[in-house]
Every structure is written in structure tokens, then in C-alpha cells.
C-alpha atoms as a PDB file:
ATOM      1  CA  UNK A   1     174.005-132.269 -61.319  1.00  0.00           C
ATOM      2  CA  UNK A   2     170.997-131.078 -63.022  1.00  0.00           C
ATOM      3  CA  UNK A   3     171.295-130.297 -66.797  1.00  0.00           C
ATOM      4  CA  UNK A   4     170.402-126.692 -67.732  1.00  0.00           C
ATOM      5  CA  UNK A   5     170.328-127.115 -71.549  1.00  0.00           C
ATOM      6  CA  UNK A   6     166.594-127.175 -71.660  1.00  0.00           C
ATOM      7  CA  UNK A   7     166.603-129.048 -75.037  1.00  0.00           C
ATOM      8  CA  UNK A   8     163.111-130.157 -75.945  1.00  0.00           C
ATOM      9  CA  UNK A   9     162.808-133.907 -76.555  1.00  0.00           C
ATOM     10  CA  UNK A  10     160.971-134.908 -79.622  1.00  0.00           C
ATOM     11  CA  UNK A  11     159.835-138.423 -80.778  1.00  0.00           C
ATOM     12  CA  UNK A  12     162.326-138.530 -83.620  1.00  0.00           C
ATOM     13  CA  UNK A  13     165.424-137.944 -81.424  1.00  0.00           C
ATOM     14  CA  UNK A  14     167.783-140.863 -80.762  1.00  0.00           C
ATOM     15  CA  UNK A  15     167.506-141.975 -77.091  1.00  0.00           C
ATOM     16  CA  UNK A  16     171.220-141.967 -76.743  1.00  0.00           C
ATOM     17  CA  UNK A  17     171.374-138.225 -77.513  1.00  0.00           C
ATOM     18  CA  UNK A  18     168.545-137.703 -75.035  1.00  0.00           C
ATOM     19  CA  UNK A  19     170.523-139.249 -72.269  1.00  0.00           C
ATOM     20  CA  UNK A  20     173.747-137.347 -73.237  1.00  0.00           C
ATOM     21  CA  UNK A  21     171.766-134.085 -73.003  1.00  0.00           C
ATOM     22  CA  UNK A  22     170.499-134.958 -69.451  1.00  0.00           C
ATOM     23  CA  UNK A  23     171.727-137.945 -67.427  1.00  0.00           C
ATOM     24  CA  UNK A  24     168.783-137.856 -65.118  1.00  0.00           C
ATOM     25  CA  UNK A  25     166.823-139.341 -68.072  1.00  0.00           C
ATOM     26  CA  UNK A  26     168.350-142.709 -67.083  1.00  0.00           C
ATOM     27  CA  UNK A  27     166.115-142.856 -63.971  1.00  0.00           C
ATOM     28  CA  UNK A  28     163.020-141.908 -66.294  1.00  0.00           C
ATOM     29  CA  UNK A  29     163.871-144.771 -68.634  1.00  0.00           C
ATOM     30  CA  UNK A  30     164.050-147.187 -65.580  1.00  0.00           C
ATOM     31  CA  UNK A  31     160.667-146.025 -64.374  1.00  0.00           C
ATOM     32  CA  UNK A  32     159.103-146.614 -67.719  1.00  0.00           C
ATOM     33  CA  UNK A  33     160.788-150.108 -67.896  1.00  0.00           C
ATOM     34  CA  UNK A  34     163.014-149.279 -70.819  1.00  0.00           C
ATOM     35  CA  UNK A  35     166.401-150.964 -70.570  1.00  0.00           C
ATOM     36  CA  UNK A  36     169.687-149.536 -71.870  1.00  0.00           C
ATOM     37  CA  UNK A  37     171.450-151.031 -74.818  1.00  0.00           C
ATOM     38  CA  UNK A  38     169.001-149.710 -77.482  1.00  0.00           C
ATOM     39  CA  UNK A  39     171.584-148.843 -80.133  1.00  0.00           C
ATOM     40  CA  UNK A  40     170.469-145.987 -82.507  1.00  0.00           C
ATOM     41  CA  UNK A  41     166.674-146.363 -81.760  1.00  0.00           C
ATOM     42  CA  UNK A  42     164.518-143.172 -81.542  1.00  0.00           C
ATOM     43  CA  UNK A  43     162.239-142.220 -78.649  1.00  0.00           C
ATOM     44  CA  UNK A  44     159.215-143.154 -80.623  1.00  0.00           C
ATOM     45  CA  UNK A  45     160.430-146.612 -81.675  1.00  0.00           C
ATOM     46  CA  UNK A  46     161.518-147.423 -78.116  1.00  0.00           C
ATOM     47  CA  UNK A  47     158.184-146.347 -76.677  1.00  0.00           C
ATOM     48  CA  UNK A  48     156.287-148.491 -79.201  1.00  0.00           C
ATOM     49  CA  UNK A  49     158.649-151.495 -78.530  1.00  0.00           C
ATOM     50  CA  UNK A  50     157.888-151.149 -74.787  1.00  0.00           C
ATOM     51  CA  UNK A  51     154.138-150.427 -75.173  1.00  0.00           C
ATOM     52  CA  UNK A  52     154.454-147.044 -73.671  1.00  0.00           C
ATOM     53  CA  UNK A  53     152.524-143.927 -74.888  1.00  0.00           C
ATOM     54  CA  UNK A  54     155.022-141.744 -76.570  1.00  0.00           C
ATOM     55  CA  UNK A  55     152.920-138.721 -75.685  1.00  0.00           C
ATOM     56  CA  UNK A  56     153.071-139.471 -71.967  1.00  0.00           C
ATOM     57  CA  UNK A  57     156.855-140.320 -72.221  1.00  0.00           C
ATOM     58  CA  UNK A  58     157.607-136.995 -73.880  1.00  0.00           C
ATOM     59  CA  UNK A  59     155.440-135.066 -71.453  1.00  0.00           C
ATOM     60  CA  UNK A  60     157.231-136.401 -68.350  1.00  0.00           C
ATOM     61  CA  UNK A  61     160.688-136.487 -69.912  1.00  0.00           C
ATOM     62  CA  UNK A  62     160.575-132.857 -70.990  1.00  0.00           C
ATOM     63  CA  UNK A  63     159.850-131.855 -67.403  1.00  0.00           C
ATOM     64  CA  UNK A  64     163.352-133.033 -66.473  1.00  0.00           C
ATOM     65  CA  UNK A  65     164.803-130.581 -69.076  1.00  0.00           C
ATOM     66  CA  UNK A  66     162.397-127.861 -68.191  1.00  0.00           C
ATOM     67  CA  UNK A  67     160.100-127.676 -65.252  1.00  0.00           C
ATOM     68  CA  UNK A  68     157.993-125.064 -66.977  1.00  0.00           C
ATOM     69  CA  UNK A  69     157.333-127.261 -69.881  1.00  0.00           C
ATOM     70  CA  UNK A  70     153.722-127.299 -70.971  1.00  0.00           C
ATOM     71  CA  UNK A  71     151.754-130.274 -69.626  1.00  0.00           C
ATOM     72  CA  UNK A  72     148.180-129.398 -70.442  1.00  0.00           C
ATOM     73  CA  UNK A  73     147.942-131.908 -73.276  1.00  0.00           C
ATOM     74  CA  UNK A  74     144.784-133.845 -74.211  1.00  0.00           C
ATOM     75  CA  UNK A  75     145.773-137.286 -72.829  1.00  0.00           C
ATOM     76  CA  UNK A  76     143.352-140.205 -73.439  1.00  0.00           C
ATOM     77  CA  UNK A  77     142.221-142.690 -70.753  1.00  0.00           C
ATOM     78  CA  UNK A  78     144.689-145.312 -71.997  1.00  0.00           C
ATOM     79  CA  UNK A  79     147.560-143.000 -71.227  1.00  0.00           C
ATOM     80  CA  UNK A  80     146.719-143.321 -67.536  1.00  0.00           C
ATOM     81  CA  UNK A  81     148.201-146.762 -67.359  1.00  0.00           C
ATOM     82  CA  UNK A  82     151.644-145.505 -68.441  1.00  0.00           C
ATOM     83  CA  UNK A  83     151.329-142.529 -66.022  1.00  0.00           C
ATOM     84  CA  UNK A  84     150.535-144.808 -63.052  1.00  0.00           C
ATOM     85  CA  UNK A  85     153.308-147.180 -63.958  1.00  0.00           C
ATOM     86  CA  UNK A  86     155.761-144.381 -63.932  1.00  0.00           C
ATOM     87  CA  UNK A  87     154.568-142.985 -60.558  1.00  0.00           C
ATOM     88  CA  UNK A  88     154.567-146.399 -58.909  1.00  0.00           C
ATOM     89  CA  UNK A  89     158.161-146.933 -60.045  1.00  0.00           C
ATOM     90  CA  UNK A  90     158.999-143.554 -58.860  1.00  0.00           C
ATOM     91  CA  UNK A  91     157.796-144.480 -55.431  1.00  0.00           C
ATOM     92  CA  UNK A  92     159.873-147.706 -55.516  1.00  0.00           C
ATOM     93  CA  UNK A  93     162.966-145.745 -56.498  1.00  0.00           C
ATOM     94  CA  UNK A  94     162.407-143.205 -53.619  1.00  0.00           C
ATOM     95  CA  UNK A  95     161.944-145.853 -50.903  1.00  0.00           C
ATOM     96  CA  UNK A  96     164.384-148.600 -51.945  1.00  0.00           C
ATOM     97  CA  UNK A  97     167.205-146.420 -53.294  1.00  0.00           C
ATOM     98  CA  UNK A  98     167.321-142.638 -52.814  1.00  0.00           C
ATOM     99  CA  UNK A  99     166.087-142.300 -49.301  1.00  0.00           C
ATOM    100  CA  UNK A 100     168.207-145.161 -48.088  1.00  0.00           C
ATOM    101  CA  UNK A 101     171.293-143.751 -49.595  1.00  0.00           C
ATOM    102  CA  UNK A 102     170.669-140.486 -47.814  1.00  0.00           C
ATOM    103  CA  UNK A 103     169.887-142.292 -44.479  1.00  0.00           C
ATOM    104  CA  UNK A 104     173.147-144.387 -44.755  1.00  0.00           C
ATOM    105  CA  UNK A 105     175.223-141.179 -45.447  1.00  0.00           C
ATOM    106  CA  UNK A 106     173.649-139.303 -42.576  1.00  0.00           C
ATOM    107  CA  UNK A 107     174.632-142.198 -40.311  1.00  0.00           C
ATOM    108  CA  UNK A 108     178.094-142.086 -41.733  1.00  0.00           C
ATOM    109  CA  UNK A 109     178.261-138.329 -41.101  1.00  0.00           C
ATOM    110  CA  UNK A 110     177.287-138.983 -37.527  1.00  0.00           C
ATOM    111  CA  UNK A 111     179.958-141.514 -36.996  1.00  0.00           C
ATOM    112  CA  UNK A 112     182.472-138.896 -38.223  1.00  0.00           C
ATOM    113  CA  UNK A 113     181.034-135.929 -36.424  1.00  0.00           C
ATOM    114  CA  UNK A 114     179.093-136.995 -33.417  1.00  0.00           C
ATOM    115  CA  UNK A 115     177.231-133.764 -32.405  1.00  0.00           C
ATOM    116  CA  UNK A 116     173.784-132.890 -31.149  1.00  0.00           C
ATOM    117  CA  UNK A 117     173.087-131.139 -34.567  1.00  0.00           C
ATOM    118  CA  UNK A 118     173.962-134.328 -36.450  1.00  0.00           C
ATOM    119  CA  UNK A 119     171.565-136.198 -34.282  1.00  0.00           C
ATOM    120  CA  UNK A 120     168.973-133.539 -35.132  1.00  0.00           C
ATOM    121  CA  UNK A 121     169.503-134.014 -38.900  1.00  0.00           C
ATOM    122  CA  UNK A 122     169.166-137.825 -38.488  1.00  0.00           C
ATOM    123  CA  UNK A 123     165.893-137.531 -36.465  1.00  0.00           C
ATOM    124  CA  UNK A 124     164.493-134.799 -38.806  1.00  0.00           C
ATOM    125  CA  UNK A 125     165.130-136.907 -41.884  1.00  0.00           C
ATOM    126  CA  UNK A 126     163.676-140.087 -40.234  1.00  0.00           C
ATOM    127  CA  UNK A 127     160.487-138.075 -39.491  1.00  0.00           C
ATOM    128  CA  UNK A 128     160.376-136.761 -43.000  1.00  0.00           C
ATOM    129  CA  UNK A 129     160.805-140.308 -44.503  1.00  0.00           C
ATOM    130  CA  UNK A 130     157.937-141.561 -42.447  1.00  0.00           C
ATOM    131  CA  UNK A 131     155.743-138.861 -43.841  1.00  0.00           C
ATOM    132  CA  UNK A 132     156.809-139.682 -47.364  1.00  0.00           C
ATOM    133  CA  UNK A 133     156.121-143.290 -46.729  1.00  0.00           C
ATOM    134  CA  UNK A 134     152.484-142.444 -45.616  1.00  0.00           C
ATOM    135  CA  UNK A 135     152.099-140.362 -48.689  1.00  0.00           C
ATOM    136  CA  UNK A 136     153.292-143.019 -50.963  1.00  0.00           C
ATOM    137  CA  UNK A 137     151.213-145.946 -49.359  1.00  0.00           C
ATOM    138  CA  UNK A 138     148.128-143.696 -49.658  1.00  0.00           C
ATOM    139  CA  UNK A 139     148.627-143.245 -53.333  1.00  0.00           C
ATOM    140  CA  UNK A 140     149.605-146.977 -53.963  1.00  0.00           C
ATOM    141  CA  UNK A 141     146.765-148.315 -51.814  1.00  0.00           C
ATOM    142  CA  UNK A 142     143.952-145.862 -52.334  1.00  0.00           C
ATOM    143  CA  UNK A 143     144.427-143.394 -55.136  1.00  0.00           C
ATOM    144  CA  UNK A 144     145.735-145.732 -57.923  1.00  0.00           C
ATOM    145  CA  UNK A 145     143.201-148.578 -57.269  1.00  0.00           C
ATOM    146  CA  UNK A 146     140.419-145.920 -57.462  1.00  0.00           C
ATOM    147  CA  UNK A 147     141.704-144.604 -60.770  1.00  0.00           C
ATOM    148  CA  UNK A 148     141.952-148.132 -62.136  1.00  0.00           C
ATOM    149  CA  UNK A 149     138.347-148.719 -60.997  1.00  0.00           C
ATOM    150  CA  UNK A 150     137.335-145.523 -63.041  1.00  0.00           C
ATOM    151  CA  UNK A 151     139.056-146.904 -66.050  1.00  0.00           C
ATOM    152  CA  UNK A 152     137.466-150.287 -65.839  1.00  0.00           C
ATOM    153  CA  UNK A 153     134.020-148.576 -65.443  1.00  0.00           C
ATOM    154  CA  UNK A 154     134.571-146.632 -68.640  1.00  0.00           C
ATOM    155  CA  UNK A 155     135.669-149.809 -70.516  1.00  0.00           C
ATOM    156  CA  UNK A 156     132.573-151.669 -69.157  1.00  0.00           C
ATOM    157  CA  UNK A 157     134.596-154.110 -66.962  1.00  0.00           C
ATOM    158  CA  UNK A 158     133.673-155.380 -63.547  1.00  0.00           C
ATOM    159  CA  UNK A 159     135.953-154.256 -60.646  1.00  0.00           C
ATOM    160  CA  UNK A 160     136.105-155.320 -57.015  1.00  0.00           C
ATOM    161  CA  UNK A 161     136.791-151.830 -55.848  1.00  0.00           C
ATOM    162  CA  UNK A 162     134.600-151.032 -52.821  1.00  0.00           C
ATOM    163  CA  UNK A 163     135.060-147.392 -51.842  1.00  0.00           C
ATOM    164  CA  UNK A 164     132.470-145.781 -54.025  1.00  0.00           C
ATOM    165  CA  UNK A 165     132.341-142.565 -52.002  1.00  0.00           C
ATOM    166  CA  UNK A 166     136.000-141.654 -52.890  1.00  0.00           C
ATOM    167  CA  UNK A 167     136.664-138.977 -55.490  1.00  0.00           C
ATOM    168  CA  UNK A 168     139.465-136.919 -56.845  1.00  0.00           C
ATOM    169  CA  UNK A 169     138.538-134.168 -54.415  1.00  0.00           C
ATOM    170  CA  UNK A 170     139.683-136.379 -51.602  1.00  0.00           C
ATOM    171  CA  UNK A 171     142.934-136.888 -53.405  1.00  0.00           C
ATOM    172  CA  UNK A 172     143.538-133.125 -53.723  1.00  0.00           C
ATOM    173  CA  UNK A 173     142.840-132.563 -50.074  1.00  0.00           C
ATOM    174  CA  UNK A 174     145.339-135.308 -49.031  1.00  0.00           C
ATOM    175  CA  UNK A 175     147.836-134.227 -51.660  1.00  0.00           C
ATOM    176  CA  UNK A 176     150.362-132.398 -49.318  1.00  0.00           C
ATOM    177  CA  UNK A 177     153.726-131.009 -50.397  1.00  0.00           C
ATOM    178  CA  UNK A 178     156.429-133.419 -49.321  1.00  0.00           C
ATOM    179  CA  UNK A 179     159.198-131.217 -50.509  1.00  0.00           C
ATOM    180  CA  UNK A 180     159.065-128.570 -47.749  1.00  0.00           C
ATOM    181  CA  UNK A 181     161.019-130.331 -45.232  1.00  0.00           C
ATOM    182  CA  UNK A 182     163.764-131.099 -47.513  1.00  0.00           C
ATOM    183  CA  UNK A 183     164.577-127.331 -47.500  1.00  0.00           C
ATOM    184  CA  UNK A 184     164.763-127.347 -43.675  1.00  0.00           C
ATOM    185  CA  UNK A 185     167.227-130.322 -43.796  1.00  0.00           C
ATOM    186  CA  UNK A 186     169.378-128.512 -46.430  1.00  0.00           C
ATOM    187  CA  UNK A 187     169.371-125.372 -44.122  1.00  0.00           C
ATOM    188  CA  UNK A 188     170.599-127.449 -41.171  1.00  0.00           C
ATOM    189  CA  UNK A 189     173.497-128.928 -43.260  1.00  0.00           C
ATOM    190  CA  UNK A 190     174.502-125.746 -44.922  1.00  0.00           C
ATOM    191  CA  UNK A 191     173.870-123.002 -42.386  1.00  0.00           C
ATOM    192  CA  UNK A 192     173.921-124.438 -38.997  1.00  0.00           C
ATOM    193  CA  UNK A 193     175.678-127.756 -38.639  1.00  0.00           C
ATOM    194  CA  UNK A 194     179.477-127.166 -37.950  1.00  0.00           C
ATOM    195  CA  UNK A 195     181.675-128.915 -40.452  1.00  0.00           C
ATOM    196  CA  UNK A 196     184.680-130.942 -39.238  1.00  0.00           C
ATOM    197  CA  UNK A 197     186.008-133.964 -40.986  1.00  0.00           C
ATOM    198  CA  UNK A 198     182.725-134.786 -42.984  1.00  0.00           C
ATOM    199  CA  UNK A 199     183.152-132.628 -46.180  1.00  0.00           C
ATOM    200  CA  UNK A 200     182.924-135.630 -48.498  1.00  0.00           C
ATOM    201  CA  UNK A 201     179.935-137.329 -46.981  1.00  0.00           C
ATOM    202  CA  UNK A 202     178.062-134.081 -46.346  1.00  0.00           C
ATOM    203  CA  UNK A 203     178.537-133.108 -50.083  1.00  0.00           C
ATOM    204  CA  UNK A 204     176.969-136.453 -51.114  1.00  0.00           C
ATOM    205  CA  UNK A 205     174.017-135.865 -48.834  1.00  0.00           C
ATOM    206  CA  UNK A 206     173.477-132.393 -50.112  1.00  0.00           C
ATOM    207  CA  UNK A 207     173.860-133.443 -53.792  1.00  0.00           C
ATOM    208  CA  UNK A 208     171.274-136.289 -53.120  1.00  0.00           C
ATOM    209  CA  UNK A 209     168.844-133.861 -51.440  1.00  0.00           C
ATOM    210  CA  UNK A 210     169.020-131.300 -54.218  1.00  0.00           C
ATOM    211  CA  UNK A 211     168.494-134.071 -56.859  1.00  0.00           C
ATOM    212  CA  UNK A 212     165.603-135.572 -54.816  1.00  0.00           C
ATOM    213  CA  UNK A 213     163.946-132.171 -54.401  1.00  0.00           C
ATOM    214  CA  UNK A 214     164.160-131.675 -58.154  1.00  0.00           C
ATOM    215  CA  UNK A 215     162.713-135.041 -58.817  1.00  0.00           C
ATOM    216  CA  UNK A 216     159.898-134.638 -56.278  1.00  0.00           C
ATOM    217  CA  UNK A 217     158.931-131.280 -57.869  1.00  0.00           C
ATOM    218  CA  UNK A 218     158.459-133.096 -61.138  1.00  0.00           C
ATOM    219  CA  UNK A 219     156.623-135.916 -59.492  1.00  0.00           C
ATOM    220  CA  UNK A 220     154.207-133.504 -57.971  1.00  0.00           C
ATOM    221  CA  UNK A 221     153.653-131.742 -61.269  1.00  0.00           C
ATOM    222  CA  UNK A 222     152.857-134.907 -62.984  1.00  0.00           C
ATOM    223  CA  UNK A 223     150.237-135.676 -60.391  1.00  0.00           C
ATOM    224  CA  UNK A 224     148.727-132.175 -60.385  1.00  0.00           C
ATOM    225  CA  UNK A 225     148.821-131.233 -64.021  1.00  0.00           C
ATOM    226  CA  UNK A 226     148.546-134.534 -65.738  1.00  0.00           C
ATOM    227  CA  UNK A 227     147.038-137.326 -63.542  1.00  0.00           C
ATOM    228  CA  UNK A 228     144.394-135.263 -61.575  1.00  0.00           C
ATOM    229  CA  UNK A 229     142.893-133.605 -64.789  1.00  0.00           C
ATOM    230  CA  UNK A 230     142.605-137.068 -66.414  1.00  0.00           C
ATOM    231  CA  UNK A 231     140.826-138.440 -63.255  1.00  0.00           C
ATOM    232  CA  UNK A 232     138.489-135.448 -63.213  1.00  0.00           C
ATOM    233  CA  UNK A 233     137.602-136.014 -66.846  1.00  0.00           C
ATOM    234  CA  UNK A 234     136.912-139.774 -66.187  1.00  0.00           C
ATOM    235  CA  UNK A 235     134.772-138.818 -63.173  1.00  0.00           C
ATOM    236  CA  UNK A 236     132.623-136.445 -65.318  1.00  0.00           C
ATOM    237  CA  UNK A 237     132.151-138.949 -68.142  1.00  0.00           C
ATOM    238  CA  UNK A 238     131.044-141.613 -65.566  1.00  0.00           C
ATOM    239  CA  UNK A 239     128.653-139.256 -63.874  1.00  0.00           C
ATOM    240  CA  UNK A 240     127.342-138.025 -67.260  1.00  0.00           C
ATOM    241  CA  UNK A 241     126.732-141.556 -68.598  1.00  0.00           C
ATOM    242  CA  UNK A 242     125.656-143.023 -65.226  1.00  0.00           C
ATOM    243  CA  UNK A 243     128.193-145.880 -65.504  1.00  0.00           C
END
């Protein structure tokens, strides 16, 4: 399910080869707005054609091959637009596709194996999904508009953003780990829920949970190691220059 070749992606590689090495890169392309059908084009040429920072694309993409990949790169402020686009599209993918797939399969599992434990899994995942939705709504409605406001200030543009008391410190405090409950759900499915005639659907649920957990760990690393440092840098510049 998750590729272990750990091949570092470079700007001169053909995008076709990047996907063959790790199929999860298809979701990365979607989140950057890059469509399939690019023939023999390289990573760099596709990024330029789609007006995406190649540096941002490589930094995020390489996390999918190696979670320990170095992300402390000196990004510029323009890069933040590509990063926010990627994170917003990730949110959309989680809510509209991945979580719904898991919910549908949990309901299917319940119809096959109607036990109190199955009900518990369903309720637990519903509670978890609500927590994720709160997290995503907070970022979409508060964090990203705040960051765009900082970007506009540095560029000398007027912005209608009103919450001038907000800062990246507030984001850090609110930035909870939404992966922890996934482990509890996996434990229920693997260790405690008796298996009857639901092998196929339970396998699908578990595969989706493992893939989701992996994706969320990358998502959080992008926010902690790439997004937040850029925002801190922007705040310092605005304070220093009294913008």
C-alpha cells in the first residue's frame, strides 16, 4: 500500500517515473491541480506549466517517499500560496472522499456483522470525523485567511481581515494531533472486534485507515515544518518593519 523505495524525487525526473515509484503521488498531483496525461514531461516543466513552485512540490512529494526527508528549506513568501492550495485540497480530499469511503464501509461491515462492537467502531469513527471537521474548518476559516492577510501586508496590499490579535502562537496551541484516534480504531478492528463474514470489507477499512494515517502524518509535518516557520518569518518581518 505504501511504497518503501525511498527514491528521492528531483526536478529533472519524468513525472511518469515518479508515479511508478509511488502510486500515492497521484493524490499529490491532484492536490496541486496537475492532471494526468502529461506524456514525457519532467517534474520541473509540469510545475512551471501549472504555476506551482517546484521547490514546494519537491519538498511535499519527497515526504511521501520518506517521512524523514529534510523540510527545513528556505522558502520564500510566494511559496506559501502553493502550500495553502495543497493543504486546502487535502482537506477536500479527506472530507469528500477518504472519510466517506471509510464511513460507508463501516456501515457495510455493520450490516454484515451486527454486534455491539461494530456499533462502537461506527460511533467512534463518527466522533473522530467530527473532530477532524472542526480542525479543518478552523484552518480553512481562521488560519489560512490570517496567513493570506500577512502575505498581503508584506506586498503592500489592503486586506479586509479583521482579527488583528491572532498570531501563529494561537495556531500552535490549537494544532492538535488528529491521528491518535485512528490508532484506537485500528486496535478495535484488529484486536477486539470478532471477525465473522466481514473479512473483505474489514480489510478495505484497515487499508484505508493505514493510508489515511500515513497521509495525515505528512499533512501535519507540512504544517509544522514548512507552513508555521514561514508564517513566523512573515510575522517577524511585519513587526520589524511596522507594516
